[in-house]
N, C-alpha and C. Protein backbone atom coordinates (compact mmCIF):
# COMPACT_ATOMS: atom_id res chain seq x y z
N UNK A 1 9.16 -33.48 -31.51
CA UNK A 1 7.95 -34.35 -30.77
C UNK A 1 7.58 -33.64 -29.42
N UNK A 2 8.66 -33.22 -28.50
CA UNK A 2 8.58 -32.68 -27.43
C UNK A 2 7.89 -31.19 -27.61
N UNK A 3 8.28 -30.75 -28.53
CA UNK A 3 7.65 -29.17 -28.65
C UNK A 3 5.95 -29.09 -29.32
N UNK A 4 5.67 -30.78 -30.04
CA UNK A 4 4.43 -30.70 -30.26
C UNK A 4 3.43 -30.92 -28.90
N UNK A 5 4.30 -31.74 -28.04
CA UNK A 5 3.52 -31.82 -27.09
C UNK A 5 3.54 -30.82 -25.87
N UNK A 6 4.34 -29.84 -25.96
CA UNK A 6 3.95 -28.52 -25.05
C UNK A 6 3.12 -27.49 -25.96
N UNK A 7 3.05 -27.87 -27.42
CA UNK A 7 2.30 -26.77 -28.04
C UNK A 7 0.84 -27.16 -27.80
N UNK A 8 0.32 -28.72 -27.71
CA UNK A 8 -0.51 -29.24 -26.98
C UNK A 8 -1.36 -28.87 -25.59
N UNK A 9 -0.25 -29.09 -24.58
CA UNK A 9 -0.19 -28.87 -23.41
C UNK A 9 -0.78 -27.17 -23.51
N UNK A 10 -0.41 -26.46 -23.72
CA UNK A 10 -0.67 -25.01 -23.85
C UNK A 10 -1.69 -24.66 -24.51
N UNK A 11 -1.94 -25.17 -25.38
CA UNK A 11 -3.27 -24.95 -26.40
C UNK A 11 -4.36 -25.81 -25.25
N UNK A 12 -4.18 -26.88 -24.08
CA UNK A 12 -5.39 -27.36 -23.69
C UNK A 12 -5.65 -26.47 -22.64
N UNK A 13 -4.60 -25.70 -21.63
CA UNK A 13 -4.54 -25.13 -20.65
C UNK A 13 -5.24 -23.96 -21.25
N UNK A 14 -4.92 -23.14 -22.26
CA UNK A 14 -5.82 -22.01 -22.56
C UNK A 14 -6.99 -22.48 -23.14
N UNK A 15 -7.50 -23.29 -23.18
CA UNK A 15 -8.87 -23.59 -23.33
C UNK A 15 -9.99 -23.95 -22.34
N UNK A 16 -8.92 -24.31 -21.22
CA UNK A 16 -9.84 -24.40 -19.75
C UNK A 16 -9.78 -23.00 -19.56
N UNK A 17 -8.69 -22.27 -19.69
CA UNK A 17 -8.74 -20.46 -19.24
C UNK A 17 -9.88 -20.48 -19.85
N UNK A 18 -10.22 -20.56 -21.04
CA UNK A 18 -11.29 -19.98 -21.87
C UNK A 18 -12.84 -20.44 -20.85
N UNK A 19 -12.71 -21.46 -21.15
CA UNK A 19 -14.32 -21.85 -20.53
C UNK A 19 -14.25 -21.41 -19.21
N UNK A 20 -13.01 -21.09 -18.34
CA UNK A 20 -13.44 -20.47 -17.30
C UNK A 20 -13.92 -19.30 -17.22
N UNK A 21 -13.78 -18.37 -18.06
CA UNK A 21 -14.04 -16.83 -18.19
C UNK A 21 -15.76 -16.83 -19.07
N UNK A 22 -15.97 -17.93 -19.48
CA UNK A 22 -16.98 -18.35 -20.13
C UNK A 22 -17.89 -18.57 -19.03
N UNK A 23 -17.69 -19.31 -18.05
CA UNK A 23 -18.49 -19.89 -16.71
C UNK A 23 -18.75 -18.64 -15.99
N UNK A 24 -17.48 -17.78 -15.58
CA UNK A 24 -17.47 -16.56 -15.01
C UNK A 24 -18.78 -15.67 -15.64
N UNK A 25 -18.39 -15.31 -16.45
CA UNK A 25 -19.21 -14.78 -17.65
C UNK A 25 -20.85 -14.81 -17.21
N UNK A 26 -21.04 -16.03 -17.44
CA UNK A 26 -22.21 -16.86 -17.48
C UNK A 26 -23.11 -16.60 -15.80
N UNK A 27 -22.23 -16.94 -14.90
CA UNK A 27 -22.82 -16.60 -13.05
C UNK A 27 -23.18 -15.72 -12.94
N UNK A 28 -22.30 -14.40 -13.37
CA UNK A 28 -22.17 -13.50 -13.21
C UNK A 28 -23.54 -12.40 -14.38
N UNK A 29 -23.98 -12.99 -15.40
CA UNK A 29 -24.84 -12.53 -16.32
C UNK A 29 -24.17 -11.16 -17.11
N UNK A 30 -22.47 -11.56 -17.23
CA UNK A 30 -21.67 -10.63 -17.99
C UNK A 30 -21.70 -11.25 -19.23
N UNK A 31 -21.76 -10.38 -20.33
CA UNK A 31 -21.73 -10.91 -21.87
C UNK A 31 -19.70 -11.68 -21.95
N UNK A 32 -19.98 -12.16 -23.38
CA UNK A 32 -18.46 -12.86 -23.42
C UNK A 32 -18.17 -11.97 -24.69
N UNK A 33 -19.09 -11.86 -25.83
CA UNK A 33 -19.24 -11.08 -26.99
C UNK A 33 -19.37 -9.54 -27.28
N UNK A 34 -18.24 -9.14 -27.53
CA UNK A 34 -18.35 -7.56 -27.66
C UNK A 34 -19.34 -7.07 -28.62
N UNK A 35 -19.77 -7.37 -29.90
CA UNK A 35 -20.48 -7.05 -30.55
C UNK A 35 -21.96 -7.14 -30.04
N UNK A 36 -22.31 -8.48 -29.14
CA UNK A 36 -23.59 -8.22 -28.72
C UNK A 36 -23.64 -7.23 -27.18
N UNK A 37 -22.72 -7.39 -26.60
CA UNK A 37 -22.77 -6.45 -25.58
C UNK A 37 -22.74 -4.84 -26.08
N UNK A 38 -22.37 -4.41 -27.04
CA UNK A 38 -22.62 -3.27 -27.48
C UNK A 38 -23.83 -3.07 -27.73
N UNK A 39 -24.59 -3.30 -29.08
CA UNK A 39 -25.76 -3.50 -29.08
C UNK A 39 -26.73 -3.24 -28.04
N UNK A 40 -26.23 -4.19 -27.16
CA UNK A 40 -27.18 -3.82 -25.98
C UNK A 40 -27.27 -2.84 -24.78
N UNK A 41 -26.04 -2.52 -25.07
CA UNK A 41 -25.46 -0.97 -24.19
C UNK A 41 -25.96 -0.15 -24.96
N UNK A 42 -26.43 0.29 -26.79
CA UNK A 42 -26.89 1.06 -27.48
C UNK A 42 -28.29 1.15 -27.58
N UNK A 43 -29.02 -0.56 -27.19
CA UNK A 43 -30.61 -0.31 -26.87
C UNK A 43 -31.02 0.10 -25.63
N UNK A 44 -30.09 -0.46 -24.65
CA UNK A 44 -30.47 0.15 -23.13
C UNK A 44 -29.62 1.46 -22.59
N UNK A 45 -29.00 2.39 -23.60
CA UNK A 45 -28.32 3.54 -23.10
C UNK A 45 -27.99 3.36 -21.91
N UNK A 46 -26.84 2.80 -21.71
CA UNK A 46 -25.53 2.57 -20.99
C UNK A 46 -24.27 2.60 -21.83
N UNK A 47 -23.39 2.97 -20.57
CA UNK A 47 -21.75 2.74 -21.22
C UNK A 47 -21.53 1.04 -21.39
N UNK A 48 -20.94 1.04 -21.93
CA UNK A 48 -19.94 -0.54 -22.32
C UNK A 48 -18.88 -0.46 -21.48
N UNK A 49 -18.73 -1.60 -20.84
CA UNK A 49 -17.65 -1.80 -19.75
C UNK A 49 -16.97 -2.91 -20.06
N UNK A 50 -15.97 -2.92 -20.81
CA UNK A 50 -15.26 -3.91 -21.89
C UNK A 50 -13.85 -4.34 -20.77
N UNK A 51 -13.95 -5.29 -20.09
CA UNK A 51 -12.84 -5.77 -19.20
C UNK A 51 -11.72 -7.02 -19.99
N UNK A 52 -10.94 -6.39 -20.46
CA UNK A 52 -9.63 -7.22 -21.18
C UNK A 52 -8.46 -8.03 -20.01
N UNK A 53 -8.71 -8.98 -20.44
CA UNK A 53 -8.17 -9.99 -19.07
C UNK A 53 -7.31 -11.04 -20.02
N UNK A 54 -6.50 -11.80 -19.33
CA UNK A 54 -5.90 -13.07 -19.84
C UNK A 54 -5.56 -14.44 -18.92
N UNK A 55 -5.44 -15.20 -19.17
CA UNK A 55 -5.60 -16.50 -18.65
C UNK A 55 -4.45 -16.95 -18.02
N UNK A 56 -4.27 -16.91 -16.78
CA UNK A 56 -3.24 -17.60 -15.76
C UNK A 56 -2.99 -16.38 -15.42
N UNK A 57 -3.47 -14.90 -15.26
CA UNK A 57 -3.15 -13.71 -14.83
C UNK A 57 -3.70 -13.55 -12.89
N UNK A 58 -2.50 -13.82 -12.36
CA UNK A 58 -3.26 -13.29 -10.94
C UNK A 58 -4.28 -12.37 -10.66
N UNK A 59 -3.60 -10.79 -11.29
CA UNK A 59 -4.06 -9.52 -10.91
C UNK A 59 -5.50 -9.82 -11.74
N UNK A 60 -5.88 -10.40 -12.70
CA UNK A 60 -6.87 -10.77 -13.12
C UNK A 60 -8.11 -11.41 -12.87
N UNK A 61 -7.42 -12.54 -11.72
CA UNK A 61 -8.34 -13.33 -11.21
C UNK A 61 -9.00 -12.53 -9.52
N UNK A 62 -7.85 -11.72 -9.58
CA UNK A 62 -8.20 -10.95 -8.08
C UNK A 62 -9.46 -9.58 -8.74
N UNK A 63 -9.40 -9.32 -10.06
CA UNK A 63 -10.68 -8.27 -10.69
C UNK A 63 -11.66 -9.28 -10.19
N UNK A 64 -11.89 -10.26 -10.98
CA UNK A 64 -13.16 -11.15 -10.81
C UNK A 64 -13.37 -11.37 -9.39
N UNK A 65 -12.53 -12.07 -8.88
CA UNK A 65 -13.23 -12.55 -7.69
C UNK A 65 -12.94 -11.70 -6.15
N UNK A 66 -12.47 -10.68 -6.35
CA UNK A 66 -12.76 -9.90 -5.25
C UNK A 66 -13.08 -8.40 -5.59
N UNK A 67 -13.15 -7.84 -6.74
CA UNK A 67 -13.92 -6.71 -6.78
C UNK A 67 -15.34 -6.97 -8.01
N UNK A 68 -14.87 -7.34 -8.74
CA UNK A 68 -16.62 -7.50 -9.58
C UNK A 68 -17.51 -8.36 -8.91
N UNK A 69 -17.14 -9.23 -7.94
CA UNK A 69 -18.23 -9.95 -7.13
C UNK A 69 -18.29 -9.21 -5.97
N UNK A 70 -17.58 -7.80 -5.44
CA UNK A 70 -18.19 -7.62 -4.15
C UNK A 70 -19.69 -6.84 -4.47
N UNK A 71 -20.11 -7.12 -3.33
CA UNK A 71 -22.08 -7.12 -3.36
C UNK A 71 -22.26 -5.48 -4.15
N UNK A 72 -21.91 -4.68 -3.65
CA UNK A 72 -22.01 -3.12 -3.90
C UNK A 72 -21.46 -2.75 -5.34
N UNK A 73 -20.15 -3.26 -5.92
CA UNK A 73 -20.03 -3.20 -7.06
C UNK A 73 -20.81 -3.83 -8.32
N UNK A 74 -21.09 -5.52 -7.86
CA UNK A 74 -22.27 -5.73 -8.82
C UNK A 74 -23.33 -5.39 -8.84
N UNK A 75 -23.80 -4.83 -7.84
CA UNK A 75 -25.21 -4.42 -7.74
C UNK A 75 -24.95 -3.13 -9.11
N UNK A 76 -24.28 -2.16 -8.63
CA UNK A 76 -24.00 -1.00 -9.45
C UNK A 76 -24.04 -1.07 -11.01
N UNK A 77 -22.84 -2.46 -11.37
CA UNK A 77 -22.55 -2.68 -12.27
C UNK A 77 -23.78 -3.13 -13.20
N UNK A 78 -24.59 -4.28 -12.49
CA UNK A 78 -25.97 -4.40 -13.08
C UNK A 78 -26.72 -3.62 -13.50
N UNK A 79 -26.80 -2.26 -12.79
CA UNK A 79 -27.66 -1.06 -12.83
C UNK A 79 -27.44 0.18 -14.28
N UNK A 80 -25.81 -0.58 -13.90
CA UNK A 80 -25.25 1.45 -15.18
C UNK A 80 -24.57 1.19 -16.33
N UNK A 81 -24.14 -0.08 -16.06
CA UNK A 81 -23.44 -0.55 -17.52
C UNK A 81 -23.65 -1.84 -18.13
N UNK A 82 -23.12 -2.40 -19.33
CA UNK A 82 -23.25 -3.85 -19.91
C UNK A 82 -21.47 -4.12 -19.74
N UNK A 83 -21.54 -4.79 -19.28
CA UNK A 83 -20.21 -5.88 -19.24
C UNK A 83 -20.13 -6.48 -19.74
N UNK A 84 -18.26 -6.50 -20.47
CA UNK A 84 -18.21 -7.57 -21.75
C UNK A 84 -16.73 -8.14 -21.17
N UNK A 85 -16.65 -9.10 -21.26
CA UNK A 85 -15.16 -10.08 -20.80
C UNK A 85 -14.78 -10.09 -22.30
N UNK A 86 -13.53 -10.09 -22.21
CA UNK A 86 -12.53 -10.46 -23.28
C UNK A 86 -11.25 -11.28 -22.83
N UNK A 87 -10.81 -12.06 -24.05
CA UNK A 87 -9.56 -12.61 -23.02
C UNK A 87 -8.30 -12.09 -24.76
N UNK A 88 -7.24 -11.09 -23.79
CA UNK A 88 -6.06 -10.39 -24.42
C UNK A 88 -6.08 -11.39 -26.00
N UNK A 89 -5.38 -12.55 -25.77
CA UNK A 89 -4.84 -13.43 -26.54
C UNK A 89 -5.39 -14.29 -27.07
N UNK A 90 -6.79 -14.62 -26.80
CA UNK A 90 -8.10 -15.48 -27.92
C UNK A 90 -8.60 -15.00 -28.40
N UNK A 91 -9.50 -13.79 -27.99
CA UNK A 91 -10.58 -13.06 -28.56
C UNK A 91 -10.14 -11.83 -29.14
N UNK A 92 -9.04 -11.47 -29.88
CA UNK A 92 -8.55 -9.69 -30.10
C UNK A 92 -9.16 -10.07 -31.58
N UNK A 93 -9.56 -11.29 -32.58
CA UNK A 93 -10.33 -11.12 -33.60
C UNK A 93 -11.90 -11.01 -33.52
N UNK A 94 -12.41 -10.88 -32.30
CA UNK A 94 -13.60 -10.95 -31.59
C UNK A 94 -14.14 -9.50 -31.14
N UNK A 95 -13.35 -8.61 -31.14
CA UNK A 95 -13.71 -7.44 -30.45
C UNK A 95 -12.43 -6.11 -31.16
N UNK A 96 -12.39 -4.75 -30.92
CA UNK A 96 -11.49 -4.06 -31.78
C UNK A 96 -10.71 -3.90 -30.97
N UNK A 97 -9.56 -4.63 -30.42
CA UNK A 97 -8.23 -4.69 -30.13
C UNK A 97 -7.67 -3.58 -30.08
N UNK A 98 -7.82 -3.28 -31.64
CA UNK A 98 -6.64 -2.11 -31.76
C UNK A 98 -7.43 -0.52 -31.31
N UNK A 99 -8.60 -0.47 -30.95
CA UNK A 99 -8.71 0.48 -30.62
C UNK A 99 -8.73 0.38 -28.98
N UNK A 100 -9.04 -0.62 -28.64
CA UNK A 100 -8.43 -0.81 -26.64
C UNK A 100 -7.71 -1.49 -26.67
N UNK A 101 -6.10 -1.16 -26.72
CA UNK A 101 -5.46 -1.46 -26.42
C UNK A 101 -4.82 -1.88 -24.92
N UNK A 102 -4.10 -3.06 -24.68
CA UNK A 102 -4.08 -3.75 -23.50
C UNK A 102 -2.80 -4.57 -23.54
N UNK A 103 -1.54 -3.21 -23.17
CA UNK A 103 -0.47 -3.53 -22.76
C UNK A 103 -0.24 -4.59 -21.79
N UNK A 104 -1.19 -4.63 -20.72
CA UNK A 104 -0.93 -5.37 -19.41
C UNK A 104 -2.40 -5.73 -19.05
N UNK A 105 -2.61 -6.74 -18.33
CA UNK A 105 -3.84 -7.11 -18.00
C UNK A 105 -3.71 -6.69 -16.52
N UNK A 106 -5.30 -6.84 -15.90
CA UNK A 106 -6.11 -6.45 -16.68
C UNK A 106 -6.52 -4.95 -16.93
N UNK A 107 -7.33 -4.84 -18.17
CA UNK A 107 -7.13 -3.21 -18.47
C UNK A 107 -8.83 -3.35 -18.91
N UNK A 108 -9.59 -2.28 -18.08
CA UNK A 108 -11.14 -2.14 -17.89
C UNK A 108 -11.32 -0.70 -18.79
N UNK A 109 -12.10 -0.87 -19.46
CA UNK A 109 -12.17 0.11 -20.44
C UNK A 109 -13.96 0.32 -20.40
N UNK A 110 -14.60 1.90 -20.12
CA UNK A 110 -15.78 2.43 -20.18
C UNK A 110 -15.80 2.71 -21.70
N UNK A 111 -17.00 2.63 -22.54
CA UNK A 111 -17.27 2.87 -23.67
C UNK A 111 -18.21 3.85 -24.00
N UNK A 112 -18.50 4.32 -24.89
CA UNK A 112 -19.70 5.11 -24.95
C UNK A 112 -20.07 4.22 -26.23
N UNK A 113 -21.34 3.75 -25.94
CA UNK A 113 -22.16 2.57 -26.78
C UNK A 113 -22.13 3.28 -28.62
N UNK A 114 -22.11 4.44 -28.51
CA UNK A 114 -22.77 5.38 -29.75
C UNK A 114 -21.54 5.42 -30.49
N UNK A 115 -20.85 5.46 -30.22
CA UNK A 115 -19.55 6.10 -30.76
C UNK A 115 -18.31 5.35 -30.50
N UNK A 116 -18.11 4.49 -29.67
CA UNK A 116 -17.42 3.28 -29.66
C UNK A 116 -15.92 4.55 -29.11
N UNK A 117 -16.04 5.23 -28.41
CA UNK A 117 -15.11 6.09 -27.97
C UNK A 117 -14.76 5.75 -26.23
N UNK A 118 -13.48 5.55 -25.88
CA UNK A 118 -13.06 5.31 -24.47
C UNK A 118 -13.66 6.50 -23.47
N UNK A 119 -14.27 6.52 -22.59
CA UNK A 119 -14.81 7.63 -21.36
C UNK A 119 -13.90 7.89 -20.40
N UNK A 120 -13.26 6.06 -19.81
CA UNK A 120 -12.47 6.30 -18.79
C UNK A 120 -11.70 4.93 -18.97
N UNK A 121 -10.43 4.55 -18.64
CA UNK A 121 -10.12 3.46 -18.65
C UNK A 121 -9.26 3.09 -17.42
N UNK A 122 -9.55 2.08 -16.55
CA UNK A 122 -8.88 1.28 -15.32
C UNK A 122 -7.84 0.53 -15.51
N UNK A 123 -6.91 0.54 -15.02
CA UNK A 123 -5.56 0.20 -15.32
C UNK A 123 -5.06 -1.16 -14.01
N UNK A 124 -5.01 -2.35 -14.45
CA UNK A 124 -4.88 -3.21 -13.69
C UNK A 124 -6.21 -3.71 -12.83
N UNK A 125 -5.58 -4.03 -11.60
CA UNK A 125 -6.27 -4.74 -10.37
C UNK A 125 -6.79 -3.01 -9.60
N UNK A 126 -7.85 -3.42 -9.26
CA UNK A 126 -8.34 -2.11 -8.55
C UNK A 126 -9.38 -2.74 -7.20
N UNK A 127 -9.21 -2.60 -5.98
CA UNK A 127 -10.31 -3.12 -4.86
C UNK A 127 -11.17 -2.17 -5.09
N UNK A 128 -12.57 -2.90 -4.50
CA UNK A 128 -14.02 -2.25 -4.45
C UNK A 128 -14.32 -0.97 -4.25
N UNK A 129 -13.62 -0.78 -3.35
CA UNK A 129 -13.83 0.66 -2.32
C UNK A 129 -13.02 1.81 -4.18
N UNK A 130 -12.28 1.92 -4.77
CA UNK A 130 -11.30 2.11 -5.94
C UNK A 130 -12.03 2.45 -6.69
N UNK A 131 -13.24 0.99 -7.05
CA UNK A 131 -13.97 0.60 -8.41
C UNK A 131 -15.24 1.55 -8.65
N UNK A 132 -15.60 1.71 -7.17
CA UNK A 132 -16.72 2.21 -6.53
C UNK A 132 -16.34 4.01 -7.26
N UNK A 133 -15.32 4.29 -6.47
CA UNK A 133 -14.93 5.84 -6.81
C UNK A 133 -15.03 5.73 -8.67
N UNK A 134 -14.26 5.14 -9.58
CA UNK A 134 -14.33 5.17 -10.54
C UNK A 134 -15.70 5.03 -11.42
N UNK A 135 -16.61 4.56 -10.97
CA UNK A 135 -18.25 4.17 -11.54
C UNK A 135 -18.91 5.64 -10.98
N UNK A 136 -18.60 6.08 -10.17
CA UNK A 136 -19.01 7.61 -9.70
C UNK A 136 -18.41 8.77 -10.75
N UNK A 137 -17.17 8.62 -11.07
CA UNK A 137 -16.29 9.44 -12.46
C UNK A 137 -17.03 8.99 -13.73
N UNK A 138 -17.42 7.87 -13.92
CA UNK A 138 -18.27 7.66 -14.94
C UNK A 138 -19.16 8.06 -15.03
N UNK A 139 -20.01 8.15 -14.47
CA UNK A 139 -21.54 8.24 -14.19
C UNK A 139 -21.16 9.91 -14.51
N UNK A 140 -20.40 10.47 -13.97
CA UNK A 140 -20.20 12.27 -14.16
C UNK A 140 -19.98 12.08 -15.72
N UNK A 141 -19.03 11.51 -16.71
CA UNK A 141 -18.48 11.74 -17.37
C UNK A 141 -19.65 11.14 -18.44
N UNK A 142 -20.44 9.92 -17.82
CA UNK A 142 -21.65 9.42 -18.87
C UNK A 142 -23.02 10.81 -19.32
N UNK A 143 -23.32 11.65 -17.59
CA UNK A 143 -24.25 12.65 -18.18
C UNK A 143 -24.09 13.89 -18.86
N UNK A 144 -22.97 14.31 -19.06
CA UNK A 144 -22.63 15.53 -19.92
C UNK A 144 -22.93 15.13 -21.32
């Protein structure tokens, strides 16, 4: 009985986490569906930015709340890439997790939408100024 209650509690909490990510993505104008984002990136000839996050992850929350919402970062993301957010534990069947392994969270992949090859990876939380530098590096790689 206790085990069943714990499982139900965990499932409830994880669904709230998923709803939080859905709400955040919607508010920011980011995608939650990998395949939709990939098609959009191909159509607009922009790299795909895949952020693999995890529920109840303080570093993931910091990336979302401090870095991605930074005015300069957000402006560049809107102009330069197509962003998709996925949950490591819940969305694995909905994106090619084997191509984009995330042994820890968050992990950000910048992907060429034509080949689905990784151009650049950011491991963990980074501050806005470092993230902007990574976007500069991505632009150099994308233009080649």
